[in-house]
Amino acid sequence: VTICVEDNGDGIDDDVRDKIFRPNFTTKSTGMGLGLAITKTIVSNSGGQIDFKTQIGQGTTFRVELPRTH
């Protein structure tokens, strides 16, 4: 099963792309920076994968792939 979530924001800068799934990392002035870290843990523990494609000035698409269960 594949789920894609797309936005039309600013995109993710090259210098932070390798950090976005780390706990406590945020580019915002509020929040704890846990959302993507928790999401990655849940997806990984379910046997799935999460990744993203981004374009500066155009937005980002996150793709979650989960194994099919019966």
PDB file of N, CA and C in Angstrom:
ATOM      1  N   VAL A   1       0.862  -1.162   0.000  1.00  0.00           N
ATOM      2  CA  VAL A   1       0.000   0.000   0.000  1.00  0.00           C
ATOM      3  C   VAL A   1       0.906   1.222   0.000  1.00  0.00           C
ATOM      4  N   THR A   2       0.601   2.167  -0.879  1.00  0.00           N
ATOM      5  CA  THR A   2       1.380   3.404  -0.951  1.00  0.00           C
ATOM      6  C   THR A   2       0.473   4.591  -0.685  1.00  0.00           C
ATOM      7  N   ILE A   3       0.939   5.472   0.193  1.00  0.00           N
ATOM      8  CA  ILE A   3       0.223   6.698   0.533  1.00  0.00           C
ATOM      9  C   ILE A   3       1.152   7.862   0.249  1.00  0.00           C
ATOM     10  N   CYS A   4       0.675   8.857  -0.491  1.00  0.00           N
ATOM     11  CA  CYS A   4       1.461  10.056  -0.774  1.00  0.00           C
ATOM     12  C   CYS A   4       0.745  11.271  -0.209  1.00  0.00           C
ATOM     13  N   VAL A   5       1.538  12.137   0.427  1.00  0.00           N
ATOM     14  CA  VAL A   5       1.020  13.392   0.957  1.00  0.00           C
ATOM     15  C   VAL A   5       1.868  14.501   0.351  1.00  0.00           C
ATOM     16  N   GLU A   6       1.200  15.424  -0.310  1.00  0.00           N
ATOM     17  CA  GLU A   6       1.899  16.470  -1.060  1.00  0.00           C
ATOM     18  C   GLU A   6       1.499  17.839  -0.535  1.00  0.00           C
ATOM     19  N   ASP A   7       2.480  18.755  -0.471  1.00  0.00           N
ATOM     20  CA  ASP A   7       2.149  20.133  -0.118  1.00  0.00           C
ATOM     21  C   ASP A   7       2.694  21.079  -1.184  1.00  0.00           C
ATOM     22  N   ASN A   8       2.339  22.329  -1.076  1.00  0.00           N
ATOM     23  CA  ASN A   8       2.829  23.325  -2.015  1.00  0.00           C
ATOM     24  C   ASN A   8       3.623  24.396  -1.280  1.00  0.00           C
ATOM     25  N   GLY A   9       4.360  23.955  -0.263  1.00  0.00           N
ATOM     26  CA  GLY A   9       5.143  24.879   0.559  1.00  0.00           C
ATOM     27  C   GLY A   9       6.450  25.281  -0.100  1.00  0.00           C
ATOM     28  N   ASP A  10       7.414  25.648   0.737  1.00  0.00           N
ATOM     29  CA  ASP A  10       8.698  26.155   0.260  1.00  0.00           C
ATOM     30  C   ASP A  10       9.671  25.060  -0.141  1.00  0.00           C
ATOM     31  N   GLY A  11       9.376  23.801   0.161  1.00  0.00           N
ATOM     32  CA  GLY A  11      10.331  22.722  -0.068  1.00  0.00           C
ATOM     33  C   GLY A  11      11.292  22.607   1.113  1.00  0.00           C
ATOM     34  N   ILE A  12      12.146  21.610   1.075  1.00  0.00           N
ATOM     35  CA  ILE A  12      13.079  21.347   2.172  1.00  0.00           C
ATOM     36  C   ILE A  12      14.489  21.624   1.674  1.00  0.00           C
ATOM     37  N   ASP A  13      15.175  22.542   2.348  1.00  0.00           N
ATOM     38  CA  ASP A  13      16.527  22.928   1.951  1.00  0.00           C
ATOM     39  C   ASP A  13      17.502  21.750   2.047  1.00  0.00           C
ATOM     40  N   ASP A  14      18.487  21.762   1.175  1.00  0.00           N
ATOM     41  CA  ASP A  14      19.498  20.703   1.132  1.00  0.00           C
ATOM     42  C   ASP A  14      20.181  20.485   2.483  1.00  0.00           C
ATOM     43  N   ASP A  15      20.451  21.558   3.217  1.00  0.00           N
ATOM     44  CA  ASP A  15      21.209  21.440   4.464  1.00  0.00           C
ATOM     45  C   ASP A  15      20.429  20.801   5.604  1.00  0.00           C
ATOM     46  N   VAL A  16      19.124  20.577   5.447  1.00  0.00           N
ATOM     47  CA  VAL A  16      18.351  19.939   6.525  1.00  0.00           C
ATOM     48  C   VAL A  16      17.695  18.629   6.099  1.00  0.00           C
ATOM     49  N   ARG A  17      17.848  18.249   4.844  1.00  0.00           N
ATOM     50  CA  ARG A  17      17.168  17.051   4.342  1.00  0.00           C
ATOM     51  C   ARG A  17      17.531  15.789   5.112  1.00  0.00           C
ATOM     52  N   ASP A  18      18.776  15.670   5.541  1.00  0.00           N
ATOM     53  CA  ASP A  18      19.186  14.466   6.264  1.00  0.00           C
ATOM     54  C   ASP A  18      18.790  14.500   7.741  1.00  0.00           C
ATOM     55  N   LYS A  19      18.195  15.595   8.192  1.00  0.00           N
ATOM     56  CA  LYS A  19      17.833  15.750   9.604  1.00  0.00           C
ATOM     57  C   LYS A  19      16.338  15.639   9.877  1.00  0.00           C
ATOM     58  N   ILE A  20      15.495  15.664   8.856  1.00  0.00           N
ATOM     59  CA  ILE A  20      14.068  15.858   9.108  1.00  0.00           C
ATOM     60  C   ILE A  20      13.387  14.707   9.839  1.00  0.00           C
ATOM     61  N   PHE A  21      13.977  13.513   9.805  1.00  0.00           N
ATOM     62  CA  PHE A  21      13.387  12.387  10.525  1.00  0.00           C
ATOM     63  C   PHE A  21      14.000  12.212  11.921  1.00  0.00           C
ATOM     64  N   ARG A  22      14.888  13.100  12.321  1.00  0.00           N
ATOM     65  CA  ARG A  22      15.521  13.012  13.647  1.00  0.00           C
ATOM     66  C   ARG A  22      14.594  13.592  14.711  1.00  0.00           C
ATOM     67  N   PRO A  23      14.545  12.941  15.879  1.00  0.00           N
ATOM     68  CA  PRO A  23      13.754  13.509  16.981  1.00  0.00           C
ATOM     69  C   PRO A  23      14.276  14.883  17.375  1.00  0.00           C
ATOM     70  N   ASN A  24      13.375  15.754  17.722  1.00  0.00           N
ATOM     71  CA  ASN A  24      13.651  17.112  18.202  1.00  0.00           C
ATOM     72  C   ASN A  24      14.174  18.057  17.132  1.00  0.00           C
ATOM     73  N   PHE A  25      14.136  17.673  15.867  1.00  0.00           N
ATOM     74  CA  PHE A  25      14.535  18.595  14.813  1.00  0.00           C
ATOM     75  C   PHE A  25      13.300  19.304  14.272  1.00  0.00           C
ATOM     76  N   THR A  26      13.370  20.615  14.214  1.00  0.00           N
ATOM     77  CA  THR A  26      12.291  21.403  13.641  1.00  0.00           C
ATOM     78  C   THR A  26      12.854  22.658  12.995  1.00  0.00           C
ATOM     79  N   THR A  27      12.179  23.144  12.001  1.00  0.00           N
ATOM     80  CA  THR A  27      12.544  24.413  11.388  1.00  0.00           C
ATOM     81  C   THR A  27      11.559  25.494  11.801  1.00  0.00           C
ATOM     82  N   LYS A  28      10.631  25.146  12.678  1.00  0.00           N
ATOM     83  CA  LYS A  28       9.582  26.076  13.094  1.00  0.00           C
ATOM     84  C   LYS A  28       9.907  26.667  14.461  1.00  0.00           C
ATOM     85  N   SER A  29       9.242  27.744  14.797  1.00  0.00           N
ATOM     86  CA  SER A  29       9.481  28.400  16.087  1.00  0.00           C
ATOM     87  C   SER A  29       8.731  27.718  17.226  1.00  0.00           C
ATOM     88  N   THR A  30       7.748  26.873  16.900  1.00  0.00           N
ATOM     89  CA  THR A  30       7.011  26.142  17.925  1.00  0.00           C
ATOM     90  C   THR A  30       7.010  24.666  17.569  1.00  0.00           C
ATOM     91  N   GLY A  31       6.633  23.843  18.530  1.00  0.00           N
ATOM     92  CA  GLY A  31       6.589  22.406  18.309  1.00  0.00           C
ATOM     93  C   GLY A  31       7.857  21.738  18.823  1.00  0.00           C
ATOM     94  N   MET A  32       7.778  20.430  18.928  1.00  0.00           N
ATOM     95  CA  MET A  32       8.882  19.681  19.503  1.00  0.00           C
ATOM     96  C   MET A  32       9.700  18.924  18.467  1.00  0.00           C
ATOM     97  N   GLY A  33       9.276  18.932  17.230  1.00  0.00           N
ATOM     98  CA  GLY A  33      10.037  18.243  16.201  1.00  0.00           C
ATOM     99  C   GLY A  33       9.967  16.729  16.326  1.00  0.00           C
ATOM    100  N   LEU A  34       8.829  16.209  16.733  1.00  0.00           N
ATOM    101  CA  LEU A  34       8.691  14.766  16.929  1.00  0.00           C
ATOM    102  C   LEU A  34       7.832  14.084  15.876  1.00  0.00           C
ATOM    103  N   GLY A  35       7.032  14.829  15.148  1.00  0.00           N
ATOM    104  CA  GLY A  35       6.051  14.246  14.234  1.00  0.00           C
ATOM    105  C   GLY A  35       6.647  13.306  13.204  1.00  0.00           C
ATOM    106  N   LEU A  36       7.634  13.753  12.445  1.00  0.00           N
ATOM    107  CA  LEU A  36       8.211  12.902  11.409  1.00  0.00           C
ATOM    108  C   LEU A  36       9.051  11.777  12.008  1.00  0.00           C
ATOM    109  N   ALA A  37       9.701  12.028  13.147  1.00  0.00           N
ATOM    110  CA  ALA A  37      10.472  10.969  13.807  1.00  0.00           C
ATOM    111  C   ALA A  37       9.544   9.849  14.274  1.00  0.00           C
ATOM    112  N   ILE A  38       8.424  10.199  14.872  1.00  0.00           N
ATOM    113  CA  ILE A  38       7.457   9.200  15.329  1.00  0.00           C
ATOM    114  C   ILE A  38       6.853   8.470  14.132  1.00  0.00           C
ATOM    115  N   THR A  39       6.518   9.220  13.091  1.00  0.00           N
ATOM    116  CA  THR A  39       5.954   8.612  11.885  1.00  0.00           C
ATOM    117  C   THR A  39       6.920   7.606  11.290  1.00  0.00           C
ATOM    118  N   LYS A  40       8.196   7.966  11.194  1.00  0.00           N
ATOM    119  CA  LYS A  40       9.186   7.044  10.623  1.00  0.00           C
ATOM    120  C   LYS A  40       9.302   5.777  11.470  1.00  0.00           C
ATOM    121  N   THR A  41       9.283   5.909  12.790  1.00  0.00           N
ATOM    122  CA  THR A  41       9.365   4.750  13.672  1.00  0.00           C
ATOM    123  C   THR A  41       8.168   3.835  13.475  1.00  0.00           C
ATOM    124  N   ILE A  42       6.983   4.395  13.411  1.00  0.00           N
ATOM    125  CA  ILE A  42       5.776   3.585  13.223  1.00  0.00           C
ATOM    126  C   ILE A  42       5.806   2.872  11.880  1.00  0.00           C
ATOM    127  N   VAL A  43       6.164   3.596  10.831  1.00  0.00           N
ATOM    128  CA  VAL A  43       6.225   3.002   9.495  1.00  0.00           C
ATOM    129  C   VAL A  43       7.274   1.889   9.452  1.00  0.00           C
ATOM    130  N   SER A  44       8.449   2.142   9.997  1.00  0.00           N
ATOM    131  CA  SER A  44       9.519   1.130  10.012  1.00  0.00           C
ATOM    132  C   SER A  44       9.127  -0.099  10.820  1.00  0.00           C
ATOM    133  N   ASN A  45       8.518   0.114  11.980  1.00  0.00           N
ATOM    134  CA  ASN A  45       8.091  -1.011  12.824  1.00  0.00           C
ATOM    135  C   ASN A  45       6.982  -1.824  12.167  1.00  0.00           C
ATOM    136  N   SER A  46       6.315  -1.240  11.203  1.00  0.00           N
ATOM    137  CA  SER A  46       5.259  -1.934  10.459  1.00  0.00           C
ATOM    138  C   SER A  46       5.797  -2.630   9.213  1.00  0.00           C
ATOM    139  N   GLY A  47       7.115  -2.553   9.023  1.00  0.00           N
ATOM    140  CA  GLY A  47       7.735  -3.176   7.860  1.00  0.00           C
ATOM    141  C   GLY A  47       7.708  -2.310   6.621  1.00  0.00           C
ATOM    142  N   GLY A  48       7.445  -1.032   6.801  1.00  0.00           N
ATOM    143  CA  GLY A  48       7.332  -0.134   5.660  1.00  0.00           C
ATOM    144  C   GLY A  48       8.491   0.824   5.544  1.00  0.00           C
ATOM    145  N   GLN A  49       8.341   1.765   4.636  1.00  0.00           N
ATOM    146  CA  GLN A  49       9.353   2.778   4.375  1.00  0.00           C
ATOM    147  C   GLN A  49       8.681   4.126   4.171  1.00  0.00           C
ATOM    148  N   ILE A  50       9.413   5.185   4.512  1.00  0.00           N
ATOM    149  CA  ILE A  50       8.954   6.540   4.242  1.00  0.00           C
ATOM    150  C   ILE A  50      10.099   7.305   3.600  1.00  0.00           C
ATOM    151  N   ASP A  51       9.787   8.068   2.581  1.00  0.00           N
ATOM    152  CA  ASP A  51      10.775   8.935   1.960  1.00  0.00           C
ATOM    153  C   ASP A  51      10.069  10.154   1.392  1.00  0.00           C
ATOM    154  N   PHE A  52      10.830  11.042   0.780  1.00  0.00           N
ATOM    155  CA  PHE A  52      10.227  12.255   0.249  1.00  0.00           C
ATOM    156  C   PHE A  52      11.004  12.748  -0.959  1.00  0.00           C
ATOM    157  N   LYS A  53      10.312  13.533  -1.756  1.00  0.00           N
ATOM    158  CA  LYS A  53      10.899  14.289  -2.852  1.00  0.00           C
ATOM    159  C   LYS A  53      10.499  15.733  -2.633  1.00  0.00           C
ATOM    160  N   THR A  54      11.421  16.641  -2.873  1.00  0.00           N
ATOM    161  CA  THR A  54      11.151  18.042  -2.606  1.00  0.00           C
ATOM    162  C   THR A  54      11.751  18.918  -3.690  1.00  0.00           C
ATOM    163  N   GLN A  55      11.105  20.028  -3.933  1.00  0.00           N
ATOM    164  CA  GLN A  55      11.614  21.032  -4.856  1.00  0.00           C
ATOM    165  C   GLN A  55      11.474  22.390  -4.187  1.00  0.00           C
ATOM    166  N   ILE A  56      12.580  23.086  -4.063  1.00  0.00           N
ATOM    167  CA  ILE A  56      12.568  24.398  -3.428  1.00  0.00           C
ATOM    168  C   ILE A  56      11.610  25.315  -4.194  1.00  0.00           C
ATOM    169  N   GLY A  57      10.739  25.965  -3.422  1.00  0.00           N
ATOM    170  CA  GLY A  57       9.771  26.891  -3.992  1.00  0.00           C
ATOM    171  C   GLY A  57       8.528  26.238  -4.564  1.00  0.00           C
ATOM    172  N   GLN A  58       8.485  24.895  -4.586  1.00  0.00           N
ATOM    173  CA  GLN A  58       7.325  24.211  -5.160  1.00  0.00           C
ATOM    174  C   GLN A  58       6.640  23.248  -4.205  1.00  0.00           C
ATOM    175  N   GLY A  59       7.355  22.706  -3.237  1.00  0.00           N
ATOM    176  CA  GLY A  59       6.723  21.827  -2.269  1.00  0.00           C
ATOM    177  C   GLY A  59       7.415  20.492  -2.109  1.00  0.00           C
ATOM    178  N   THR A  60       6.798  19.651  -1.305  1.00  0.00           N
ATOM    179  CA  THR A  60       7.358  18.351  -0.937  1.00  0.00           C
ATOM    180  C   THR A  60       6.278  17.290  -1.005  1.00  0.00           C
ATOM    181  N   THR A  61       6.670  16.101  -1.423  1.00  0.00           N
ATOM    182  CA  THR A  61       5.779  14.946  -1.413  1.00  0.00           C
ATOM    183  C   THR A  61       6.412  13.859  -0.558  1.00  0.00           C
ATOM    184  N   PHE A  62       5.702  13.440   0.485  1.00  0.00           N
ATOM    185  CA  PHE A  62       6.124  12.312   1.308  1.00  0.00           C
ATOM    186  C   PHE A  62       5.419  11.071   0.807  1.00  0.00           C
ATOM    187  N   ARG A  63       6.151   9.980   0.711  1.00  0.00           N
ATOM    188  CA  ARG A  63       5.586   8.702   0.264  1.00  0.00           C
ATOM    189  C   ARG A  63       5.805   7.661   1.366  1.00  0.00           C
ATOM    190  N   VAL A  64       4.718   7.039   1.785  1.00  0.00           N
ATOM    191  CA  VAL A  64       4.760   5.967   2.775  1.00  0.00           C
ATOM    192  C   VAL A  64       4.361   4.676   2.070  1.00  0.00           C
ATOM    193  N   GLU A  65       5.214   3.677   2.167  1.00  0.00           N
ATOM    194  CA  GLU A  65       4.912   2.356   1.613  1.00  0.00           C
ATOM    195  C   GLU A  65       4.802   1.364   2.775  1.00  0.00           C
ATOM    196  N   LEU A  66       3.677   0.675   2.828  1.00  0.00           N
ATOM    197  CA  LEU A  66       3.433  -0.309   3.886  1.00  0.00           C
ATOM    198  C   LEU A  66       3.130  -1.660   3.239  1.00  0.00           C
ATOM    199  N   PRO A  67       3.585  -2.728   3.886  1.00  0.00           N
ATOM    200  CA  PRO A  67       3.279  -4.043   3.345  1.00  0.00           C
ATOM    201  C   PRO A  67       1.790  -4.344   3.489  1.00  0.00           C
ATOM    202  N   ARG A  68       1.290  -5.060   2.544  1.00  0.00           N
ATOM    203  CA  ARG A  68      -0.115  -5.454   2.584  1.00  0.00           C
ATOM    204  C   ARG A  68      -0.285  -6.614   3.570  1.00  0.00           C
ATOM    205  N   THR A  69      -1.284  -6.533   4.417  1.00  0.00           N
ATOM    206  CA  THR A  69      -1.582  -7.614   5.352  1.00  0.00           C
ATOM    207  C   THR A  69      -2.927  -8.217   4.989  1.00  0.00           C
ATOM    208  N   HIS A  70      -3.141  -9.434   5.422  1.00  0.00           N
ATOM    209  CA  HIS A  70      -4.391 -10.143   5.070  1.00  0.00           C
ATOM    210  C   HIS A  70      -5.423 -10.005   6.131  1.00  0.00           C
TER     211      HIS A  70
END
